[in-house]
Amino acid sequence: MTREFQVIIERDRDGYFVATVPGLRGCHTQAKSLDQLMRRIREAIALCLEVEGNSLAASEFVGVQRILVES
């Protein structure tokens, strides 16, 4: 069975790429390169699916919005 997940990718202050899967609680990883990050997030997704099984509720990705807040 093939499933599709949205992955949010950011770069932290130390230059690492960080991937998060909003549809899977606690599913995230980091790496120095995007190629390595993609391998690692696929592994993380597979592990999350093993734990969660088919009990995941379907959700629809809407988008990402940037918001400026003065502090």
C-alpha atoms as a PDB file:
ATOM      1  CA  MET A   1       0.000   0.000   0.000  1.00  0.00           C
ATOM      2  CA  THR A   2       1.368   3.394  -0.979  1.00  0.00           C
ATOM      3  CA  ARG A   3       0.589   6.367   1.241  1.00  0.00           C
ATOM      4  CA  GLU A   4       1.431  10.018   0.795  1.00  0.00           C
ATOM      5  CA  PHE A   5       2.536  12.352   3.584  1.00  0.00           C
ATOM      6  CA  GLN A   6       3.345  16.053   3.615  1.00  0.00           C
ATOM      7  CA  VAL A   7       6.790  16.890   5.000  1.00  0.00           C
ATOM      8  CA  ILE A   8       7.791  20.320   6.274  1.00  0.00           C
ATOM      9  CA  ILE A   9      11.496  21.075   5.889  1.00  0.00           C
ATOM     10  CA  GLU A  10      13.296  23.840   7.745  1.00  0.00           C
ATOM     11  CA  ARG A  11      16.932  24.737   8.375  1.00  0.00           C
ATOM     12  CA  ASP A  12      18.030  25.370  11.960  1.00  0.00           C
ATOM     13  CA  ARG A  13      20.644  27.822  13.259  1.00  0.00           C
ATOM     14  CA  ASP A  14      23.403  25.222  13.041  1.00  0.00           C
ATOM     15  CA  GLY A  15      22.692  24.529   9.362  1.00  0.00           C
ATOM     16  CA  TYR A  16      20.903  21.197   9.861  1.00  0.00           C
ATOM     17  CA  PHE A  17      17.819  20.428   7.809  1.00  0.00           C
ATOM     18  CA  VAL A  18      14.858  19.398   9.972  1.00  0.00           C
ATOM     19  CA  ALA A  19      11.917  17.430   8.564  1.00  0.00           C
ATOM     20  CA  THR A  20       8.553  17.133  10.302  1.00  0.00           C
ATOM     21  CA  VAL A  21       5.494  15.156   9.206  1.00  0.00           C
ATOM     22  CA  PRO A  22       2.408  16.987  10.536  1.00  0.00           C
ATOM     23  CA  GLY A  23       0.171  13.973   9.867  1.00  0.00           C
ATOM     24  CA  LEU A  24       2.205  11.713  12.170  1.00  0.00           C
ATOM     25  CA  ARG A  25       2.571  12.858  15.756  1.00  0.00           C
ATOM     26  CA  GLY A  26       6.239  12.928  16.818  1.00  0.00           C
ATOM     27  CA  CYS A  27       7.555  12.099  13.351  1.00  0.00           C
ATOM     28  CA  HIS A  28      10.628  14.222  12.676  1.00  0.00           C
ATOM     29  CA  THR A  29      14.343  13.938  11.974  1.00  0.00           C
ATOM     30  CA  GLN A  30      17.345  16.046  11.001  1.00  0.00           C
ATOM     31  CA  ALA A  31      20.420  15.796   8.765  1.00  0.00           C
ATOM     32  CA  LYS A  32      23.206  17.910   7.281  1.00  0.00           C
ATOM     33  CA  SER A  33      22.134  17.292   3.669  1.00  0.00           C
ATOM     34  CA  LEU A  34      18.753  17.118   1.942  1.00  0.00           C
ATOM     35  CA  ASP A  35      19.546  13.689   0.459  1.00  0.00           C
ATOM     36  CA  GLN A  36      20.295  12.284   3.891  1.00  0.00           C
ATOM     37  CA  LEU A  37      17.237  14.023   5.317  1.00  0.00           C
ATOM     38  CA  MET A  38      14.950  12.366   2.740  1.00  0.00           C
ATOM     39  CA  ARG A  39      16.343   8.920   3.586  1.00  0.00           C
ATOM     40  CA  ARG A  40      15.918   9.549   7.292  1.00  0.00           C
ATOM     41  CA  ILE A  41      12.369  10.918   7.074  1.00  0.00           C
ATOM     42  CA  ARG A  42      11.268   7.897   5.027  1.00  0.00           C
ATOM     43  CA  GLU A  43      12.692   5.672   7.785  1.00  0.00           C
ATOM     44  CA  ALA A  44      10.965   7.777  10.455  1.00  0.00           C
ATOM     45  CA  ILE A  45       7.632   7.557   8.622  1.00  0.00           C
ATOM     46  CA  ALA A  46       7.960   3.784   8.303  1.00  0.00           C
ATOM     47  CA  LEU A  47       8.658   3.474  12.042  1.00  0.00           C
ATOM     48  CA  CYS A  48       5.716   5.717  12.946  1.00  0.00           C
ATOM     49  CA  LEU A  49       3.435   3.659  10.729  1.00  0.00           C
ATOM     50  CA  GLU A  50       4.613   0.461  12.426  1.00  0.00           C
ATOM     51  CA  VAL A  51       3.667   1.917  15.798  1.00  0.00           C
ATOM     52  CA  GLU A  52       0.408   3.591  14.741  1.00  0.00           C
ATOM     53  CA  GLY A  53      -0.753   0.941  12.287  1.00  0.00           C
ATOM     54  CA  ASN A  54      -3.949   1.791  10.448  1.00  0.00           C
ATOM     55  CA  SER A  55      -5.361   3.850  13.314  1.00  0.00           C
ATOM     56  CA  LEU A  56      -4.275   7.115  11.698  1.00  0.00           C
ATOM     57  CA  ALA A  57      -7.055   9.525  10.888  1.00  0.00           C
ATOM     58  CA  ALA A  58      -6.901  10.923   7.381  1.00  0.00           C
ATOM     59  CA  SER A  59      -6.161  14.625   7.158  1.00  0.00           C
ATOM     60  CA  GLU A  60      -5.822  17.073   4.309  1.00  0.00           C
ATOM     61  CA  PHE A  61      -2.783  19.331   4.067  1.00  0.00           C
ATOM     62  CA  VAL A  62      -3.913  22.923   3.595  1.00  0.00           C
ATOM     63  CA  GLY A  63      -0.657  24.836   3.559  1.00  0.00           C
ATOM     64  CA  VAL A  64       1.970  26.732   5.473  1.00  0.00           C
ATOM     65  CA  GLN A  65       1.567  30.358   6.390  1.00  0.00           C
ATOM     66  CA  ARG A  66       4.308  32.733   7.534  1.00  0.00           C
ATOM     67  CA  ILE A  67       3.174  35.139  10.255  1.00  0.00           C
ATOM     68  CA  LEU A  68       5.179  38.083  11.581  1.00  0.00           C
ATOM     69  CA  VAL A  69       4.866  38.894  15.275  1.00  0.00           C
ATOM     70  CA  GLU A  70       6.639  41.768  16.950  1.00  0.00           C
ATOM     71  CA  SER A  71       8.240  40.984  20.255  1.00  0.00           C
END
